Amino acid sequence: MTTQRRAPSGQGPARRPAPSRVRGAAGRRMPPAGTRSRPAISRRTVNVTRGATKRTVATQPRALTGRATVLIVVFVALALAYTYPLRVYLAQESQIAQLEADQAAQREQIAQKSLQLQKWRDPAYLSAEAREKLFYVAPGETPLLVFSDPAGAAREAGAASPAPAPDRWYDTLWSSVRAADAEPPN
């Protein structure tokens, strides 16, 4: 029993009608007209021990079938269809997170302001702030104000006043341009 090779489509080997052979004058069979005879080396040889023909090289199937191509196109279309909604979703999530952070900062600021308001409602804190910032004094007290005057303190101490700050470089440049312009021509 010999097994027949099947084609990739699942069908059996193709059957060709046998050509009619004409016998020649010497009694040998002659090939039909229009066909060439192949040399003996290129003919298929029969393996006598196994009874099968020698295998020939089959053509390679295509790498991508039509179904695979359609499936890839569908996946690409779905990916493109979901990118915009996903981008909008992620943008909204980041916006919500930013708004929640802003709310937390505002709540913290409200808590600080309410503590500050509680301080201002205390009469002792109110009088301490009035003394410090507005120079208020209680009745019967004598205020003593100290002004900071380093130049006056240096004069009274007998030292020279501090050196003036050096001129800016562009003032020095401009004064040298004026001086060069003021020179009389020779």
Protein backbone atom coordinates (compact mmCIF):
# COMPACT_ATOMS: atom_id res chain seq x y z
CA MET A 1 0.00 0.00 0.00
CA THR A 2 1.36 3.37 -0.98
CA THR A 3 0.31 6.63 0.58
CA GLN A 4 -0.48 9.44 -1.73
CA ARG A 5 0.71 12.93 -1.04
CA ARG A 6 -2.03 15.46 -0.53
CA ALA A 7 -2.01 19.02 -1.78
CA PRO A 8 -2.10 21.91 0.78
CA SER A 9 -5.78 22.37 0.01
CA GLY A 10 -6.50 18.87 1.27
CA GLN A 11 -7.24 17.37 -2.13
CA GLY A 12 -5.50 14.33 -3.46
CA PRO A 13 -2.98 14.43 -6.28
CA ALA A 14 -4.22 15.81 -9.54
CA ARG A 15 -5.05 13.22 -12.17
CA ARG A 16 -3.82 13.88 -15.65
CA PRO A 17 -5.23 12.09 -18.58
CA ALA A 18 -2.72 9.65 -19.99
CA PRO A 19 -1.39 10.87 -23.33
CA SER A 20 -1.95 8.61 -26.21
CA ARG A 21 1.26 6.97 -27.22
CA VAL A 22 1.98 6.15 -30.77
CA ARG A 23 4.26 3.31 -31.59
CA GLY A 24 7.01 4.00 -34.02
CA ALA A 25 8.36 1.90 -36.79
CA ALA A 26 10.69 -0.07 -34.54
CA GLY A 27 7.86 -0.87 -32.16
CA ARG A 28 8.94 1.62 -29.53
CA ARG A 29 6.50 4.03 -28.00
CA MET A 30 6.77 7.55 -29.26
CA PRO A 31 5.88 10.57 -27.11
CA PRO A 32 2.85 12.57 -28.17
CA ALA A 33 3.42 15.41 -30.55
CA GLY A 34 4.44 18.72 -28.93
CA THR A 35 6.03 17.20 -25.82
CA ARG A 36 9.68 16.96 -25.07
CA SER A 37 11.28 14.02 -23.57
CA ARG A 38 13.17 14.64 -20.39
CA PRO A 39 16.63 13.30 -19.82
CA ALA A 40 16.80 10.22 -17.65
CA ILE A 41 18.51 12.08 -14.79
CA SER A 42 15.69 14.56 -14.26
CA ARG A 43 12.93 11.94 -14.33
CA ARG A 44 11.48 10.81 -11.08
CA THR A 45 12.98 7.62 -9.89
CA VAL A 46 11.05 5.01 -8.06
CA ASN A 47 12.51 3.68 -4.85
CA VAL A 48 12.12 -0.03 -5.38
CA THR A 49 12.43 -0.95 -1.74
CA ARG A 50 9.78 1.47 -0.52
CA GLY A 51 7.68 1.81 -3.60
CA ALA A 52 7.41 5.61 -3.24
CA THR A 53 8.60 8.33 -5.53
CA LYS A 54 11.34 10.75 -4.62
CA ARG A 55 10.14 13.97 -2.99
CA THR A 56 10.38 17.19 -4.87
CA VAL A 57 10.68 20.64 -3.29
CA ALA A 58 7.26 22.12 -2.57
CA THR A 59 6.52 25.81 -2.78
CA GLN A 60 6.47 27.67 0.54
CA PRO A 61 3.05 28.92 1.70
CA ARG A 62 2.61 32.67 2.10
CA ALA A 63 3.67 34.14 5.45
CA LEU A 64 0.36 35.98 6.04
CA THR A 65 -2.94 34.51 5.04
CA GLY A 66 -5.95 36.61 4.22
CA ARG A 67 -7.52 35.87 7.59
CA ALA A 68 -4.40 36.95 9.46
CA THR A 69 -4.25 40.18 7.46
CA VAL A 70 -7.90 40.97 8.23
CA LEU A 71 -7.34 40.19 11.90
CA ILE A 72 -4.35 42.54 12.06
CA VAL A 73 -6.33 45.30 10.34
CA VAL A 74 -9.18 44.84 12.84
CA PHE A 75 -6.76 45.04 15.80
CA VAL A 76 -5.14 48.19 14.41
CA ALA A 77 -8.57 49.77 13.85
CA LEU A 78 -9.62 48.92 17.43
CA ALA A 79 -6.37 50.32 18.82
CA LEU A 80 -6.86 53.56 16.90
CA ALA A 81 -10.49 53.75 17.99
CA TYR A 82 -9.58 53.41 21.67
CA THR A 83 -6.62 55.82 21.77
CA TYR A 84 -8.63 59.07 21.76
CA PRO A 85 -11.08 58.07 24.53
CA LEU A 86 -8.16 56.73 26.57
CA ARG A 87 -6.27 60.00 26.14
CA VAL A 88 -9.35 61.99 27.20
CA TYR A 89 -9.82 59.71 30.22
CA LEU A 90 -6.21 60.14 31.34
CA ALA A 91 -6.42 63.93 30.87
CA GLN A 92 -9.57 64.05 32.99
CA GLU A 93 -7.95 61.91 35.68
CA SER A 94 -4.98 64.27 35.90
CA GLN A 95 -7.33 67.28 35.99
CA ILE A 96 -9.34 65.70 38.82
CA ALA A 97 -6.13 65.01 40.76
CA GLN A 98 -5.02 68.64 40.25
CA LEU A 99 -8.39 69.96 41.45
CA GLU A 100 -8.28 67.73 44.53
CA ALA A 101 -4.78 69.01 45.34
CA ASP A 102 -6.00 72.59 44.93
CA GLN A 103 -8.93 71.88 47.26
CA ALA A 104 -6.60 70.42 49.88
CA ALA A 105 -4.38 73.53 49.68
CA GLN A 106 -7.41 75.80 50.04
CA ARG A 107 -8.65 73.82 53.05
CA GLU A 108 -5.22 74.22 54.65
CA GLN A 109 -5.30 77.95 53.94
CA ILE A 110 -8.79 78.23 55.46
CA ALA A 111 -7.60 76.41 58.58
CA GLN A 112 -4.64 78.82 58.93
CA LYS A 113 -6.88 81.85 58.47
CA SER A 114 -9.34 80.61 61.07
CA LEU A 115 -6.46 80.14 63.57
CA GLN A 116 -5.26 83.65 62.81
CA LEU A 117 -8.79 84.97 63.33
CA GLN A 118 -8.94 83.25 66.72
CA LYS A 119 -5.68 85.00 67.67
CA TRP A 120 -7.04 88.42 66.68
CA ARG A 121 -10.10 87.85 68.84
CA ASP A 122 -7.83 87.56 71.92
CA PRO A 123 -7.44 91.02 73.57
CA ALA A 124 -3.86 90.31 74.78
CA TYR A 125 -2.69 89.44 71.26
CA LEU A 126 -4.48 92.49 69.90
CA SER A 127 -2.74 94.88 72.32
CA ALA A 128 0.68 93.25 71.69
CA GLU A 129 0.28 93.69 67.93
CA ALA A 130 -0.85 97.32 68.38
CA ARG A 131 2.26 98.08 70.47
CA GLU A 132 4.62 96.43 68.01
CA LYS A 133 3.22 97.53 64.66
CA LEU A 134 1.41 100.79 65.44
CA PHE A 135 3.59 102.01 68.37
CA TYR A 136 0.59 102.33 70.71
CA VAL A 137 1.28 102.73 74.40
CA ALA A 138 -0.91 102.27 77.42
CA PRO A 139 -1.98 105.39 79.29
CA GLY A 140 0.76 106.58 81.63
CA GLU A 141 3.65 104.88 79.74
CA THR A 142 6.43 106.82 78.00
CA PRO A 143 7.38 105.51 74.56
CA LEU A 144 11.05 105.16 73.61
CA LEU A 145 11.77 104.95 69.90
CA VAL A 146 15.19 103.96 68.59
CA PHE A 147 16.05 104.82 65.00
CA SER A 148 18.83 103.15 63.12
CA ASP A 149 21.22 105.75 61.61
CA PRO A 150 24.65 104.28 60.85
CA ALA A 151 25.99 107.48 59.24
CA GLY A 152 24.96 109.60 62.24
CA ALA A 153 26.39 107.06 64.68
CA ALA A 154 29.70 107.10 62.79
CA ARG A 155 29.83 110.92 62.86
CA GLU A 156 29.23 110.97 66.58
CA ALA A 157 31.89 108.33 67.13
CA GLY A 158 34.44 110.41 65.17
CA ALA A 159 34.90 107.92 62.40
CA ALA A 160 34.55 108.73 58.75
CA SER A 161 31.31 108.00 57.05
CA PRO A 162 31.20 104.76 55.13
CA ALA A 163 32.67 104.85 51.61
CA PRO A 164 30.20 105.52 48.84
CA ALA A 165 29.15 102.56 46.78
CA PRO A 166 31.18 102.15 43.59
CA ASP A 167 29.63 103.40 40.40
CA ARG A 168 28.04 101.02 38.03
CA TRP A 169 30.19 100.04 35.06
CA TYR A 170 27.95 101.71 32.51
CA ASP A 171 28.01 104.99 34.49
CA THR A 172 31.83 104.86 34.42
CA LEU A 173 31.80 104.16 30.69
CA TRP A 174 29.39 107.01 29.99
CA SER A 175 31.42 109.48 32.07
CA SER A 176 34.59 108.56 30.13
CA VAL A 177 32.74 109.11 26.82
CA ARG A 178 31.60 112.56 28.06
CA ALA A 179 35.13 113.43 29.18
CA ALA A 180 36.56 112.44 25.77
CA ASP A 181 33.91 114.55 24.06
CA ALA A 182 34.64 117.58 26.26
CA GLU A 183 38.38 117.70 25.41
CA PRO A 184 39.33 120.59 23.12
CA PRO A 185 40.67 119.64 19.69
CA ASN A 186 44.46 120.02 19.24
